[in-house]
N, C-alpha and C. Protein backbone atom coordinates (compact mmCIF):
# COMPACT_ATOMS: atom_id res chain seq x y z
N MET A 1 0.94 -1.34 0.07
CA MET A 1 0.12 -0.09 0.03
C MET A 1 0.89 1.13 -0.12
N ASN A 2 0.43 2.26 -0.76
CA ASN A 2 1.35 3.41 -0.73
C ASN A 2 1.26 4.34 0.79
N ARG A 3 2.37 4.62 0.84
CA ARG A 3 2.56 5.36 2.33
C ARG A 3 1.75 6.66 2.35
N LYS A 4 1.33 7.12 1.24
CA LYS A 4 0.61 8.63 1.29
C LYS A 4 -0.92 8.12 1.60
N VAL A 5 -1.31 6.89 1.46
CA VAL A 5 -2.75 6.33 1.73
C VAL A 5 -2.84 6.57 3.34
N TYR A 6 -1.82 6.05 3.94
CA TYR A 6 -1.92 5.84 5.43
C TYR A 6 -2.37 7.07 6.37
N PRO A 7 -1.88 8.23 6.11
CA PRO A 7 -2.48 9.57 6.59
C PRO A 7 -3.81 9.68 6.45
N PHE A 8 -4.25 9.38 5.34
CA PHE A 8 -5.82 9.60 4.99
C PHE A 8 -6.64 8.67 5.83
N ILE A 9 -6.07 7.39 6.02
CA ILE A 9 -6.95 6.53 6.61
C ILE A 9 -7.01 6.75 8.04
N LEU A 10 -5.65 7.07 8.62
CA LEU A 10 -5.73 7.64 9.90
C LEU A 10 -6.59 8.95 10.55
N ALA A 11 -6.42 9.67 9.48
CA ALA A 11 -7.50 10.94 9.51
C ALA A 11 -8.81 10.63 9.58
N THR A 12 -9.23 9.75 8.60
CA THR A 12 -10.61 9.23 8.58
C THR A 12 -11.04 8.55 9.69
N LEU A 13 -10.30 7.66 10.22
CA LEU A 13 -10.33 7.03 11.65
C LEU A 13 -10.55 7.80 12.83
N ALA A 14 -9.68 8.86 12.95
CA ALA A 14 -9.84 9.64 13.89
C ALA A 14 -11.09 10.61 13.94
N ALA A 15 -11.40 11.12 12.67
CA ALA A 15 -12.68 11.88 12.50
C ALA A 15 -14.00 10.89 13.06
N THR A 16 -13.98 9.75 12.89
CA THR A 16 -14.84 9.07 13.02
C THR A 16 -15.00 8.78 14.52
N VAL A 17 -13.96 8.33 15.16
CA VAL A 17 -13.87 8.24 16.63
C VAL A 17 -14.49 9.68 17.24
N ILE A 18 -14.05 10.69 16.91
CA ILE A 18 -14.29 12.16 17.48
C ILE A 18 -15.77 12.34 17.21
N SER A 19 -16.12 12.09 15.81
CA SER A 19 -17.56 12.36 15.80
C SER A 19 -18.55 11.53 16.70
N GLY A 20 -18.03 10.16 16.74
CA GLY A 20 -18.99 9.48 17.57
C GLY A 20 -19.05 9.64 18.94
N ALA A 21 -17.87 10.05 19.49
CA ALA A 21 -17.69 10.67 20.85
C ALA A 21 -18.76 11.87 21.21
N TYR A 22 -18.66 12.78 20.04
CA TYR A 22 -19.39 13.88 20.03
C TYR A 22 -20.96 13.57 20.16
N ALA A 23 -21.27 12.58 19.36
CA ALA A 23 -22.66 12.11 19.16
C ALA A 23 -23.25 11.74 20.45
N ALA A 24 -22.43 10.90 21.12
CA ALA A 24 -22.95 10.43 22.47
C ALA A 24 -22.89 11.34 23.56
N GLU A 25 -21.96 12.42 23.54
CA GLU A 25 -22.03 13.37 24.50
C GLU A 25 -23.26 14.26 24.07
N SER A 26 -23.46 14.51 22.88
CA SER A 26 -24.92 15.25 22.61
C SER A 26 -26.03 14.74 22.86
N ALA A 27 -26.29 13.28 22.60
CA ALA A 27 -27.32 12.45 23.11
C ALA A 27 -27.58 12.47 24.69
N GLU A 28 -26.50 12.45 25.44
CA GLU A 28 -26.26 12.41 26.86
C GLU A 28 -27.12 13.91 27.30
N ASN A 29 -26.50 15.02 26.68
CA ASN A 29 -27.02 16.24 27.11
C ASN A 29 -28.35 16.37 26.85
N ASP A 30 -28.82 15.88 25.87
CA ASP A 30 -30.27 15.96 25.45
C ASP A 30 -31.15 15.49 26.59
N ALA A 31 -30.51 14.27 26.91
CA ALA A 31 -31.36 13.64 27.95
C ALA A 31 -31.49 14.29 29.10
N LEU A 32 -30.39 14.93 29.61
CA LEU A 32 -30.24 15.74 30.83
C LEU A 32 -30.95 17.06 30.74
N ALA A 33 -31.49 17.61 29.55
CA ALA A 33 -32.15 18.78 29.40
C ALA A 33 -33.30 18.77 30.37
N VAL A 34 -34.02 17.42 30.47
CA VAL A 34 -35.19 17.49 30.99
C VAL A 34 -35.00 17.74 32.57
N THR A 35 -34.03 17.86 33.08
CA THR A 35 -33.86 18.32 34.54
C THR A 35 -34.38 19.77 34.85
N GLY A 36 -34.33 20.65 33.63
CA GLY A 36 -34.92 21.97 33.58
C GLY A 36 -36.30 22.07 33.63
N ALA A 37 -37.14 21.10 33.51
CA ALA A 37 -38.51 21.18 33.42
C ALA A 37 -39.02 21.26 35.05
N LYS A 38 -39.82 22.04 35.19
CA LYS A 38 -40.49 22.48 36.63
C LYS A 38 -41.72 21.47 36.65
N ILE A 39 -42.26 20.72 35.59
CA ILE A 39 -43.23 19.57 35.95
C ILE A 39 -42.68 18.27 35.43
N SER A 40 -43.11 17.04 35.89
CA SER A 40 -42.58 15.93 35.46
C SER A 40 -42.99 15.42 34.17
N LEU A 41 -42.44 14.41 33.64
CA LEU A 41 -43.26 13.88 32.37
C LEU A 41 -44.46 13.13 32.77
N THR A 42 -44.80 12.73 33.75
CA THR A 42 -46.08 12.20 34.08
C THR A 42 -47.00 13.20 34.03
N GLN A 43 -46.71 14.35 34.70
CA GLN A 43 -47.64 15.67 34.85
C GLN A 43 -48.09 16.03 33.24
N ALA A 44 -46.85 16.10 32.22
CA ALA A 44 -47.09 16.47 31.08
C ALA A 44 -47.99 15.53 30.46
N VAL A 45 -47.82 14.39 30.41
CA VAL A 45 -48.65 13.25 29.83
C VAL A 45 -50.26 13.50 30.33
N ALA A 46 -50.48 13.47 31.75
CA ALA A 46 -51.71 13.77 32.27
C ALA A 46 -52.24 15.20 31.64
N ALA A 47 -51.79 16.15 31.54
CA ALA A 47 -52.33 17.28 31.00
C ALA A 47 -52.58 17.03 29.41
N ALA A 48 -51.83 16.41 28.55
CA ALA A 48 -52.05 15.98 27.12
C ALA A 48 -53.51 15.06 27.21
N GLU A 49 -53.49 14.28 28.01
CA GLU A 49 -54.43 13.17 27.92
C GLU A 49 -55.79 13.94 28.30
N GLN A 50 -55.83 14.61 29.37
CA GLN A 50 -57.03 15.45 29.81
C GLN A 50 -57.40 16.33 28.66
N GLN A 51 -56.58 17.10 27.96
CA GLN A 51 -56.98 18.12 27.08
C GLN A 51 -57.74 17.43 25.66
N ILE A 52 -56.98 16.05 25.23
CA ILE A 52 -57.56 15.44 24.26
C ILE A 52 -58.74 14.61 24.65
N GLY A 53 -58.52 13.62 25.82
CA GLY A 53 -59.48 12.71 26.21
C GLY A 53 -59.13 11.52 25.53
N GLY A 54 -57.79 11.16 25.37
CA GLY A 54 -57.27 10.02 25.08
C GLY A 54 -56.11 9.47 25.83
N LYS A 55 -55.42 8.62 25.31
CA LYS A 55 -54.32 7.85 25.83
C LYS A 55 -52.98 8.05 25.26
N ALA A 56 -51.93 8.62 26.07
CA ALA A 56 -50.73 8.83 25.47
C ALA A 56 -50.06 7.70 24.94
N SER A 57 -49.27 7.84 23.78
CA SER A 57 -48.51 6.49 23.32
C SER A 57 -47.28 6.79 23.04
N LYS A 58 -46.73 8.05 23.20
CA LYS A 58 -45.29 8.49 23.16
C LYS A 58 -45.05 9.89 23.77
N VAL A 59 -44.08 10.08 24.39
CA VAL A 59 -43.56 11.49 24.97
C VAL A 59 -42.31 11.63 24.75
N GLU A 60 -41.82 12.90 24.40
CA GLU A 60 -40.56 13.34 24.30
C GLU A 60 -40.14 14.66 24.80
N TYR A 61 -39.05 15.05 25.25
CA TYR A 61 -38.80 16.39 25.51
C TYR A 61 -37.82 16.95 24.70
N GLU A 62 -38.29 18.04 24.16
CA GLU A 62 -37.42 18.43 22.91
C GLU A 62 -37.73 20.01 22.79
N ARG A 63 -37.01 20.46 21.69
CA ARG A 63 -36.99 21.95 21.55
C ARG A 63 -37.96 22.02 20.31
N HIS A 64 -38.93 23.12 20.39
CA HIS A 64 -39.79 23.31 19.31
C HIS A 64 -39.89 24.91 19.23
N LYS A 65 -39.50 25.23 18.16
CA LYS A 65 -39.32 26.83 17.61
C LYS A 65 -38.31 27.40 18.68
N GLY A 66 -37.30 26.82 19.22
CA GLY A 66 -36.36 27.46 20.15
C GLY A 66 -36.70 26.90 21.81
N GLN A 67 -37.74 26.49 21.97
CA GLN A 67 -38.28 26.45 23.20
C GLN A 67 -38.56 25.09 23.65
N PRO A 68 -38.17 24.61 25.03
CA PRO A 68 -38.39 23.54 25.47
C PRO A 68 -39.86 22.98 25.56
N VAL A 69 -40.27 21.95 25.04
CA VAL A 69 -41.61 21.44 25.40
C VAL A 69 -41.55 19.78 25.59
N PHE A 70 -42.79 19.52 26.16
CA PHE A 70 -42.97 18.05 26.16
C PHE A 70 -43.83 17.82 24.85
N ASP A 71 -43.47 16.95 24.00
CA ASP A 71 -44.00 16.67 22.82
C ASP A 71 -44.85 15.20 23.23
N VAL A 72 -46.06 15.22 23.37
CA VAL A 72 -46.99 13.98 23.63
C VAL A 72 -47.90 13.66 22.44
N GLU A 73 -47.73 12.40 22.22
CA GLU A 73 -48.50 11.70 21.11
C GLU A 73 -49.81 11.18 21.98
N VAL A 74 -50.92 11.71 21.68
CA VAL A 74 -52.22 11.16 22.26
C VAL A 74 -53.17 10.44 21.38
N VAL A 75 -53.39 9.30 21.58
CA VAL A 75 -54.55 8.60 20.61
C VAL A 75 -55.94 8.50 21.05
N LYS A 76 -56.72 8.99 20.32
CA LYS A 76 -58.47 8.96 20.63
C LYS A 76 -59.02 8.57 19.58
N GLY A 77 -59.64 7.18 19.67
CA GLY A 77 -60.25 6.72 18.57
C GLY A 77 -59.20 6.23 17.53
N LYS A 78 -59.41 6.71 16.27
CA LYS A 78 -58.54 6.34 15.12
C LYS A 78 -57.55 7.50 14.76
N SER A 79 -57.78 8.64 15.61
CA SER A 79 -56.75 9.61 15.42
C SER A 79 -55.60 9.85 16.31
N VAL A 80 -54.52 10.39 15.94
CA VAL A 80 -53.46 10.54 16.84
C VAL A 80 -53.10 12.20 16.75
N MET A 81 -53.08 12.78 18.00
CA MET A 81 -52.89 14.21 18.32
C MET A 81 -51.69 14.47 19.05
N ASP A 82 -50.85 15.25 18.22
CA ASP A 82 -49.46 15.75 18.77
C ASP A 82 -49.77 17.01 19.67
N VAL A 83 -49.53 16.87 20.84
CA VAL A 83 -49.70 17.87 21.91
C VAL A 83 -48.63 18.41 22.49
N LYS A 84 -48.44 19.67 22.54
CA LYS A 84 -47.04 20.33 23.15
C LYS A 84 -47.67 21.04 24.46
N VAL A 85 -46.83 20.63 25.40
CA VAL A 85 -47.04 20.98 26.87
C VAL A 85 -45.70 21.75 27.56
N ASP A 86 -46.15 22.92 27.84
CA ASP A 86 -45.07 23.67 28.51
C ASP A 86 -44.44 23.07 29.66
N PRO A 87 -43.18 23.03 29.76
CA PRO A 87 -42.68 22.17 30.76
C PRO A 87 -42.29 23.09 32.16
N THR A 88 -42.80 24.22 32.03
CA THR A 88 -42.72 25.08 33.21
C THR A 88 -44.09 25.27 33.73
N SER A 89 -45.25 25.39 33.06
CA SER A 89 -46.35 25.62 33.79
C SER A 89 -47.47 24.41 33.66
N GLY A 90 -47.02 23.51 32.56
CA GLY A 90 -47.94 22.44 32.43
C GLY A 90 -49.14 22.48 31.66
N GLN A 91 -49.09 23.67 31.12
CA GLN A 91 -50.36 24.10 30.15
C GLN A 91 -50.13 23.54 28.76
N VAL A 92 -51.22 23.08 28.22
CA VAL A 92 -51.11 22.72 26.75
C VAL A 92 -50.75 23.87 25.81
N LEU A 93 -49.79 23.82 24.88
CA LEU A 93 -49.45 24.95 24.21
C LEU A 93 -50.37 24.70 22.86
N SER A 94 -50.37 23.48 22.63
CA SER A 94 -51.07 23.19 21.18
C SER A 94 -51.26 21.80 20.92
N ALA A 95 -52.36 21.54 20.11
CA ALA A 95 -52.63 20.32 19.96
C ALA A 95 -53.32 20.25 18.41
N VAL A 96 -52.41 19.22 17.81
CA VAL A 96 -52.89 19.18 16.31
C VAL A 96 -52.66 17.63 15.91
N GLU A 97 -53.44 17.53 14.81
CA GLU A 97 -53.47 15.93 14.47
C GLU A 97 -52.20 15.68 13.79
N ASP A 98 -51.79 14.45 14.11
CA ASP A 98 -50.35 14.03 13.89
C ASP A 98 -50.47 13.56 12.34
N LYS A 99 -49.56 13.68 11.46
CA LYS A 99 -49.42 13.08 10.28
C LYS A 99 -48.93 11.73 10.60
N PRO A 100 -49.15 10.72 9.45
CA PRO A 100 -48.52 9.50 9.56
C PRO A 100 -47.19 9.44 10.16
N ASP A 101 -46.71 8.34 10.86
CA ASP A 101 -45.42 8.31 11.38
C ASP A 101 -44.44 8.01 10.26
N ARG A 102 -43.08 8.57 10.42
CA ARG A 102 -42.07 8.25 9.23
C ARG A 102 -40.90 7.79 10.28
N ASP A 103 -40.18 6.94 9.72
CA ASP A 103 -38.85 6.59 10.38
C ASP A 103 -37.84 7.59 10.07
N ASP A 104 -36.71 7.40 10.60
CA ASP A 104 -35.69 8.50 10.60
C ASP A 104 -35.10 8.62 9.30
N ASP A 105 -35.43 7.97 8.29
CA ASP A 105 -34.81 8.05 6.94
C ASP A 105 -35.91 8.61 6.15
N GLY A 106 -37.15 9.24 6.90
CA GLY A 106 -38.24 9.90 5.83
C GLY A 106 -39.25 8.94 5.19
N ASP A 107 -38.96 7.69 5.42
CA ASP A 107 -39.96 6.60 4.93
C ASP A 107 -40.90 6.36 5.68
N GLU A 108 -42.22 5.93 5.22
CA GLU A 108 -43.17 5.53 6.23
C GLU A 108 -42.94 4.25 6.83
N ALA A 109 -43.41 4.31 8.19
CA ALA A 109 -42.88 3.10 8.92
C ALA A 109 -43.67 2.00 8.64
N ASP A 110 -43.36 0.70 8.61
CA ASP A 110 -44.05 -0.28 8.56
C ASP A 110 -45.13 -0.87 9.47
């Protein structure tokens, strides 16, 4: 193998290791962000279920338009509602019908 190829391979491996470590750190920090919420995940689910009159199937703590929110999917009958709950007050900020689920690649889930 040509000696000029080795630096490229080493640089590629180093970039892969560094990006993997950064991704793990970012995921960990995302999970820790929920500690800033003044209400619990359970309280957010209860507020969303009460607003819609259904059962929660999924909840995430995320940023929406730059603001932290609990994003709760609530099932009522044959519809799924996407409910945003304020993590400070517990108030429902919005409730809209959810579009069909898509996996991470943008394809419809099976």
